[in-house]
């Protein structure tokens, strides 16, 4: 094989850090020339201000240098033309030129879990961030949509900074701890509130689902706002196959409200996967458990939802109150990553595996059946 082809073949191992596909596959390699032992590589970035250009340049040089006979590599950076970007967007959308919600398309196999709660302060966002990081650590492709437009917190808990890269009308979500994430908090100046009515909220969720390039995800988690308002209804309309996971704390004040959050499934035709009881207890130095917020709230919610919905709604797990979990969230690294051996991390990892280990249903799956006319 000519050495030019060997270099180009080596470049197929370079993965774009945002799109997560080979740069040769998405049309970023403009040219490859070899003079003596020097390889000259032309790269067209998706945008001229690509934040990952230094990393891409380094990866291209490393890959080309692995080819026998190449002792030096030069990289000339450019930017894709409008026609190239249009072709790339169409390719990323599966050949569709216009935005679509990929998770509702026939054959899509992404599990979609909407993490809900009846009231704020129960640790729903902390649970969401840790479930996502735990699933990603197990090798799954995971995305998080921060649907809590007014009280967004996912960017801080995952340590995401800056805005998604724009590919014209497509957004490439930032990746932290191998989790793709998008939030209105990435577009709002610090300290500025979001003051929107229902139609604007619906449009924001729709754009995050359709305009963001999520790629081939195994799991998409949505961090819903507390209660049963506009966004919960919009998610049910836009993602009718999304399954609910209800987060509560043990005390009756939280569990009673959490039950109502799960009961929305009776009106939206969604299913409730189970209940997570957060802050279940605090472990003491002597090994005993201090039930700071009481006991049994999670099981009460699960039992009542089972009766209301007419189906088994289990308690997926009980997560202890752990200071390290709070500290890890404040630092932008979920506790399942920063302190994986703590009780809280163990509990959340177990819940994550229960969710990803569930048997898939047939919703959205092609059965390969063709109607026959008689």
Protein backbone atom coordinates (compact mmCIF):
# COMPACT_ATOMS: atom_id res chain seq x y z
CA UNK A 1 0.00 0.00 0.00
CA UNK A 2 1.37 3.46 -0.88
CA UNK A 3 2.57 5.41 2.13
CA UNK A 4 -0.05 8.12 1.49
CA UNK A 5 -2.78 5.51 1.87
CA UNK A 6 -1.12 4.19 5.01
CA UNK A 7 -1.21 7.67 6.53
CA UNK A 8 -4.84 8.15 5.56
CA UNK A 9 -5.65 4.75 7.02
CA UNK A 10 -3.92 5.76 10.26
CA UNK A 11 -6.01 8.94 10.41
CA UNK A 12 -9.16 6.81 10.51
CA UNK A 13 -8.23 6.03 14.12
CA UNK A 14 -8.50 9.71 15.10
CA UNK A 15 -11.88 10.34 16.72
CA UNK A 16 -13.41 13.81 16.78
CA UNK A 17 -13.72 14.57 20.52
CA UNK A 18 -17.16 16.20 20.15
CA UNK A 19 -18.86 14.15 17.45
CA UNK A 20 -17.15 10.92 18.53
CA UNK A 21 -16.72 9.59 15.00
CA UNK A 22 -13.54 9.12 12.90
CA UNK A 23 -12.40 12.34 11.24
CA UNK A 24 -12.07 10.49 7.93
CA UNK A 25 -15.72 9.43 8.14
CA UNK A 26 -17.11 12.92 8.73
CA UNK A 27 -15.11 14.63 6.00
CA UNK A 28 -12.56 16.49 8.10
CA UNK A 29 -9.47 15.19 6.24
CA UNK A 30 -9.02 17.57 3.32
CA UNK A 31 -5.69 16.27 2.00
CA UNK A 32 -2.78 13.94 2.71
CA UNK A 33 0.60 14.36 1.01
CA UNK A 34 3.97 12.80 1.74
CA UNK A 35 7.34 14.30 0.85
CA UNK A 36 10.21 12.06 1.81
CA UNK A 37 9.57 11.21 5.48
CA UNK A 38 7.26 14.18 6.11
CA UNK A 39 3.48 13.89 6.00
CA UNK A 40 1.45 17.01 5.26
CA UNK A 41 -2.16 16.72 6.45
CA UNK A 42 -4.93 19.21 5.72
CA UNK A 43 -7.79 19.22 8.24
CA UNK A 44 -11.08 21.04 7.85
CA UNK A 45 -12.53 21.76 11.29
CA UNK A 46 -16.30 21.86 11.72
CA UNK A 47 -15.99 25.53 12.72
CA UNK A 48 -13.09 27.95 12.51
CA UNK A 49 -13.21 28.50 16.27
CA UNK A 50 -13.37 24.82 17.16
CA UNK A 51 -12.42 24.54 20.86
CA UNK A 52 -10.87 21.11 20.26
CA UNK A 53 -8.48 22.12 17.47
CA UNK A 54 -5.33 21.62 19.56
CA UNK A 55 -6.41 18.16 20.63
CA UNK A 56 -7.32 17.20 17.06
CA UNK A 57 -3.97 18.49 15.80
CA UNK A 58 -2.11 16.45 18.39
CA UNK A 59 -4.11 13.30 17.68
CA UNK A 60 -3.52 13.66 13.92
CA UNK A 61 0.24 14.01 14.44
CA UNK A 62 0.36 11.04 16.79
CA UNK A 63 -1.57 8.83 14.37
CA UNK A 64 0.49 9.77 11.32
CA UNK A 65 3.77 9.33 13.20
CA UNK A 66 2.88 5.69 13.85
CA UNK A 67 3.23 4.97 10.12
CA UNK A 68 6.58 3.40 9.31
CA UNK A 69 8.71 5.81 7.27
CA UNK A 70 7.08 8.98 8.65
CA UNK A 71 9.39 11.05 10.87
CA UNK A 72 7.61 14.41 10.77
CA UNK A 73 4.02 15.59 10.43
CA UNK A 74 2.66 19.03 9.59
CA UNK A 75 -1.01 19.86 10.03
CA UNK A 76 -2.73 22.69 8.15
CA UNK A 77 -6.04 23.66 9.73
CA UNK A 78 -8.97 25.08 7.79
CA UNK A 79 -12.72 25.23 8.23
CA UNK A 80 -15.53 23.40 6.45
CA UNK A 81 -17.45 25.25 3.78
CA UNK A 82 -21.20 25.77 4.04
CA UNK A 83 -21.73 22.84 1.65
CA UNK A 84 -19.48 20.59 3.74
CA UNK A 85 -21.31 21.51 6.94
CA UNK A 86 -24.67 20.86 5.29
CA UNK A 87 -23.47 17.43 4.17
CA UNK A 88 -22.12 16.68 7.63
CA UNK A 89 -25.35 17.70 9.38
CA UNK A 90 -27.35 15.51 7.01
CA UNK A 91 -25.02 12.58 7.68
CA UNK A 92 -25.25 13.02 11.45
CA UNK A 93 -29.05 13.11 11.19
CA UNK A 94 -29.08 9.81 9.36
CA UNK A 95 -29.59 11.34 5.91
CA UNK A 96 -32.36 13.69 7.05
CA UNK A 97 -31.67 17.34 6.17
CA UNK A 98 -34.07 18.72 8.80
CA UNK A 99 -33.90 18.25 12.59
CA UNK A 100 -35.79 15.28 14.01
CA UNK A 101 -36.11 13.83 17.50
CA UNK A 102 -34.06 10.70 16.98
CA UNK A 103 -35.39 8.99 20.10
CA UNK A 104 -38.86 8.70 18.56
CA UNK A 105 -37.69 7.30 15.24
CA UNK A 106 -38.52 3.67 14.33
CA UNK A 107 -35.76 1.31 15.39
CA UNK A 108 -34.17 3.70 17.89
CA UNK A 109 -32.96 1.64 20.86
CA UNK A 110 -32.04 4.40 23.32
CA UNK A 111 -33.51 3.94 26.78
CA UNK A 112 -35.04 7.23 27.92
CA UNK A 113 -35.51 7.80 31.65
CA UNK A 114 -37.14 10.96 33.01
CA UNK A 115 -35.97 11.55 36.58
CA UNK A 116 -38.88 13.17 38.42
CA UNK A 117 -39.74 14.41 41.90
CA UNK A 118 -42.72 15.98 43.57
CA UNK A 119 -40.77 18.76 45.26
CA UNK A 120 -37.35 20.36 45.15
CA UNK A 121 -34.51 19.61 47.54
CA UNK A 122 -34.71 15.81 47.36
CA UNK A 123 -31.44 15.46 45.43
CA UNK A 124 -32.96 14.62 42.05
CA UNK A 125 -30.23 16.37 40.06
CA UNK A 126 -27.49 14.78 42.17
CA UNK A 127 -29.03 11.39 41.50
CA UNK A 128 -29.31 12.13 37.76
CA UNK A 129 -25.68 13.23 37.43
CA UNK A 130 -24.40 10.21 39.35
CA UNK A 131 -26.56 7.71 37.46
CA UNK A 132 -25.25 9.13 34.19
CA UNK A 133 -21.61 9.00 35.30
CA UNK A 134 -22.02 5.47 36.68
CA UNK A 135 -23.57 4.23 33.42
CA UNK A 136 -20.82 5.88 31.38
CA UNK A 137 -18.17 4.31 33.63
CA UNK A 138 -19.71 0.93 32.79
CA UNK A 139 -19.02 1.60 29.12
CA UNK A 140 -22.43 2.86 28.00
CA UNK A 141 -23.01 5.90 25.78
CA UNK A 142 -24.99 8.31 27.95
CA UNK A 143 -26.60 11.71 27.52
CA UNK A 144 -28.24 14.05 30.04
CA UNK A 145 -30.80 16.68 29.12
CA UNK A 146 -31.24 19.21 31.90
CA UNK A 147 -34.99 19.83 31.56
CA UNK A 148 -35.14 21.88 34.76
CA UNK A 149 -35.15 25.16 32.85
CA UNK A 150 -35.69 27.41 35.88
CA UNK A 151 -33.50 25.53 38.36
CA UNK A 152 -30.77 24.07 36.13
CA UNK A 153 -27.86 22.49 37.98
CA UNK A 154 -26.51 19.71 35.75
CA UNK A 155 -23.63 21.79 34.24
CA UNK A 156 -22.22 22.49 37.70
CA UNK A 157 -22.64 18.93 38.95
CA UNK A 158 -20.91 17.47 35.89
CA UNK A 159 -18.27 20.19 35.75
CA UNK A 160 -19.29 21.37 32.27
CA UNK A 161 -18.08 24.82 31.25
CA UNK A 162 -18.83 26.84 28.15
CA UNK A 163 -21.44 26.44 25.45
CA UNK A 164 -22.04 23.59 23.00
CA UNK A 165 -20.18 23.97 19.70
CA UNK A 166 -22.51 25.19 16.95
CA UNK A 167 -22.57 23.51 13.55
CA UNK A 168 -24.94 26.04 12.00
CA UNK A 169 -28.35 24.96 13.37
CA UNK A 170 -26.94 21.87 15.09
CA UNK A 171 -25.40 21.82 18.56
CA UNK A 172 -22.58 19.49 19.60
CA UNK A 173 -23.02 18.90 23.35
CA UNK A 174 -20.07 19.19 25.75
CA UNK A 175 -18.82 15.92 27.20
CA UNK A 176 -17.81 15.49 30.84
CA UNK A 177 -16.94 12.17 32.48
CA UNK A 178 -17.90 10.58 29.13
CA UNK A 179 -21.44 11.97 29.48
CA UNK A 180 -22.94 14.26 26.83
CA UNK A 181 -24.92 17.05 28.47
CA UNK A 182 -26.98 20.04 27.45
CA UNK A 183 -28.69 22.64 29.62
CA UNK A 184 -30.17 26.10 29.31
CA UNK A 185 -27.57 26.97 31.94
CA UNK A 186 -24.93 26.79 29.21
CA UNK A 187 -26.52 29.77 27.46
CA UNK A 188 -27.62 32.00 30.34
CA UNK A 189 -25.21 34.46 32.02
CA UNK A 190 -24.46 33.62 35.63
CA UNK A 191 -27.09 34.96 37.99
CA UNK A 192 -29.62 35.74 35.26
CA UNK A 193 -33.04 34.10 35.74
CA UNK A 194 -35.02 32.37 32.99
CA UNK A 195 -38.50 33.89 32.83
CA UNK A 196 -40.49 31.91 30.29
CA UNK A 197 -44.08 30.77 29.85
CA UNK A 198 -45.25 27.31 28.78
CA UNK A 199 -44.79 27.59 24.96
CA UNK A 200 -41.20 28.78 25.37
CA UNK A 201 -40.47 25.91 27.76
CA UNK A 202 -41.89 23.40 25.29
CA UNK A 203 -39.83 24.85 22.43
CA UNK A 204 -36.64 24.72 24.52
CA UNK A 205 -37.08 21.02 25.29
CA UNK A 206 -37.97 20.31 21.66
CA UNK A 207 -34.82 22.06 20.44
CA UNK A 208 -32.62 20.25 22.94
CA UNK A 209 -34.00 16.94 21.65
CA UNK A 210 -33.95 17.71 17.91
CA UNK A 211 -31.18 20.26 17.36
CA UNK A 212 -28.53 18.61 19.55
CA UNK A 213 -26.38 15.88 18.01
CA UNK A 214 -26.69 13.18 20.65
CA UNK A 215 -25.20 10.40 18.56
CA UNK A 216 -25.97 6.75 19.14
CA UNK A 217 -26.86 6.75 22.84
CA UNK A 218 -27.57 3.73 25.00
CA UNK A 219 -29.30 5.86 27.63
CA UNK A 220 -30.74 9.39 27.76
CA UNK A 221 -31.56 10.81 31.19
CA UNK A 222 -33.79 13.85 31.61
CA UNK A 223 -33.53 15.84 34.82
CA UNK A 224 -37.11 17.10 35.16
CA UNK A 225 -38.14 20.05 37.29
CA UNK A 226 -40.13 19.28 40.45
CA UNK A 227 -43.88 18.74 40.10
CA UNK A 228 -46.23 18.06 37.23
CA UNK A 229 -46.15 21.31 35.25
CA UNK A 230 -45.57 22.31 31.64
CA UNK A 231 -42.24 20.56 31.15
CA UNK A 232 -43.45 17.21 32.46
CA UNK A 233 -46.33 17.40 29.99
CA UNK A 234 -44.05 18.47 27.13
CA UNK A 235 -41.68 15.57 27.79
CA UNK A 236 -44.63 13.16 27.70
CA UNK A 237 -45.69 14.61 24.33
CA UNK A 238 -42.23 14.76 22.76
CA UNK A 239 -40.96 11.46 24.22
CA UNK A 240 -44.05 9.27 24.69
CA UNK A 241 -41.91 6.19 25.39
CA UNK A 242 -39.88 7.86 28.17
CA UNK A 243 -40.10 6.01 31.48
CA UNK A 244 -40.35 7.79 34.82
CA UNK A 245 -38.04 7.31 37.80
CA UNK A 246 -39.38 9.01 40.93
CA UNK A 247 -36.95 10.39 43.53
CA UNK A 248 -38.09 11.05 47.09
CA UNK A 249 -36.72 11.35 50.60
CA UNK A 250 -38.08 9.32 53.53
CA UNK A 251 -40.23 11.94 55.25
CA UNK A 252 -43.96 12.01 54.57
CA UNK A 253 -43.90 15.62 53.36
CA UNK A 254 -41.72 14.56 50.42
CA UNK A 255 -43.17 11.12 49.78
CA UNK A 256 -46.75 12.39 49.57
CA UNK A 257 -45.79 14.92 46.89
CA UNK A 258 -43.58 12.39 45.08
CA UNK A 259 -46.57 10.11 44.67
CA UNK A 260 -48.35 12.82 42.69
CA UNK A 261 -45.30 13.23 40.43
CA UNK A 262 -45.46 9.54 39.56
CA UNK A 263 -49.24 9.49 39.20
CA UNK A 264 -48.95 11.80 36.18
CA UNK A 265 -48.30 8.56 34.27
CA UNK A 266 -52.02 7.76 34.47
CA UNK A 267 -52.69 10.78 32.23
CA UNK A 268 -49.64 10.61 29.97
CA UNK A 269 -49.66 6.82 29.41
CA UNK A 270 -46.04 6.61 30.54
CA UNK A 271 -44.68 3.86 32.75
CA UNK A 272 -43.01 4.31 36.12
CA UNK A 273 -39.84 2.23 36.39
CA UNK A 274 -39.44 2.62 40.12
CA UNK A 275 -38.71 4.83 43.11
CA UNK A 276 -35.35 5.97 44.48
CA UNK A 277 -35.24 6.91 48.15
CA UNK A 278 -32.49 9.49 48.57
CA UNK A 279 -31.00 10.61 51.93
CA UNK A 280 -32.35 7.38 53.42
CA UNK A 281 -30.03 7.47 56.43
CA UNK A 282 -26.64 8.67 57.60
CA UNK A 283 -24.08 6.07 58.56
CA UNK A 284 -22.45 6.66 61.95
CA UNK A 285 -18.82 5.91 62.90
CA UNK A 286 -19.97 2.85 64.87
CA UNK A 287 -21.77 1.44 61.80
CA UNK A 288 -25.28 2.32 62.98
CA UNK A 289 -27.72 4.26 60.83
CA UNK A 290 -29.19 7.62 61.80
CA UNK A 291 -32.52 8.13 60.00
CA UNK A 292 -32.38 11.91 59.80
CA UNK A 293 -35.55 12.27 57.73
CA UNK A 294 -37.50 9.29 59.03
CA UNK A 295 -37.98 5.87 57.45
CA UNK A 296 -40.03 4.11 54.82
CA UNK A 297 -41.02 6.99 52.55
CA UNK A 298 -39.66 5.35 49.41
CA UNK A 299 -41.54 2.11 50.02
CA UNK A 300 -44.75 4.02 50.76
CA UNK A 301 -44.48 5.87 47.43
CA UNK A 302 -43.75 2.62 45.58
CA UNK A 303 -46.71 0.82 47.17
CA UNK A 304 -49.14 3.66 46.47
CA UNK A 305 -47.98 4.04 42.86
CA UNK A 306 -48.29 0.27 42.35
CA UNK A 307 -51.90 0.49 43.50
CA UNK A 308 -52.69 3.62 41.47
CA UNK A 309 -51.06 2.43 38.25
CA UNK A 310 -52.04 -1.21 38.57
CA UNK A 311 -48.49 -2.42 38.00
CA UNK A 312 -45.50 -3.27 40.14
CA UNK A 313 -43.43 -0.18 40.98
CA UNK A 314 -40.36 -1.26 42.96
CA UNK A 315 -37.95 0.66 45.14
CA UNK A 316 -34.86 0.75 42.93
CA UNK A 317 -32.54 1.65 45.78
CA UNK A 318 -31.96 3.59 48.96
CA UNK A 319 -29.15 6.13 48.86
CA UNK A 320 -27.62 7.19 52.19
CA UNK A 321 -27.01 10.81 53.12
CA UNK A 322 -23.31 11.31 52.43
CA UNK A 323 -21.34 14.52 52.78
CA UNK A 324 -18.88 13.37 50.10
CA UNK A 325 -21.72 13.22 47.57
CA UNK A 326 -22.56 16.85 48.22
CA UNK A 327 -18.91 17.91 48.08
CA UNK A 328 -18.36 15.98 44.85
CA UNK A 329 -21.36 17.63 43.22
CA UNK A 330 -20.16 21.09 44.23
CA UNK A 331 -16.74 20.27 42.73
CA UNK A 332 -18.23 19.12 39.40
CA UNK A 333 -17.27 15.45 39.73
CA UNK A 334 -20.03 12.96 40.66
CA UNK A 335 -19.25 10.91 43.75
CA UNK A 336 -19.36 7.66 41.74
CA UNK A 337 -16.22 8.98 40.04
CA UNK A 338 -14.49 10.95 42.80
CA UNK A 339 -15.17 8.58 45.72
CA UNK A 340 -16.40 5.31 44.18
CA UNK A 341 -16.06 3.28 47.40
CA UNK A 342 -18.39 5.40 49.53
CA UNK A 343 -21.83 4.02 50.51
CA UNK A 344 -23.64 6.64 48.44
CA UNK A 345 -21.57 5.81 45.35
CA UNK A 346 -22.19 2.08 45.81
CA UNK A 347 -25.94 2.65 46.11
CA UNK A 348 -26.17 4.87 43.03
CA UNK A 349 -24.03 2.50 40.97
CA UNK A 350 -26.38 -0.35 41.92
CA UNK A 351 -29.44 1.68 40.86
CA UNK A 352 -27.74 2.56 37.55
CA UNK A 353 -27.09 -1.10 36.83
CA UNK A 354 -30.66 -2.04 37.69
CA UNK A 355 -31.90 0.51 35.17
CA UNK A 356 -29.55 -0.50 32.38
CA UNK A 357 -30.01 -4.20 33.09
CA UNK A 358 -33.77 -4.12 32.52
CA UNK A 359 -35.09 -6.11 29.59
CA UNK A 360 -35.90 -3.95 26.59
CA UNK A 361 -39.49 -3.68 25.44
CA UNK A 362 -40.62 -3.73 21.80
CA UNK A 363 -41.51 -0.02 21.69
CA UNK A 364 -39.70 1.60 18.77
CA UNK A 365 -38.20 -1.67 17.59
CA UNK A 366 -38.71 -2.86 14.01
CA UNK A 367 -40.27 -6.34 13.90
CA UNK A 368 -39.27 -6.91 10.27
CA UNK A 369 -42.86 -7.67 9.28
CA UNK A 370 -44.23 -6.56 5.90
CA UNK A 371 -47.98 -6.52 5.23
CA UNK A 372 -49.05 -8.88 2.47
CA UNK A 373 -51.97 -8.02 0.19
CA UNK A 374 -54.30 -10.84 -0.72
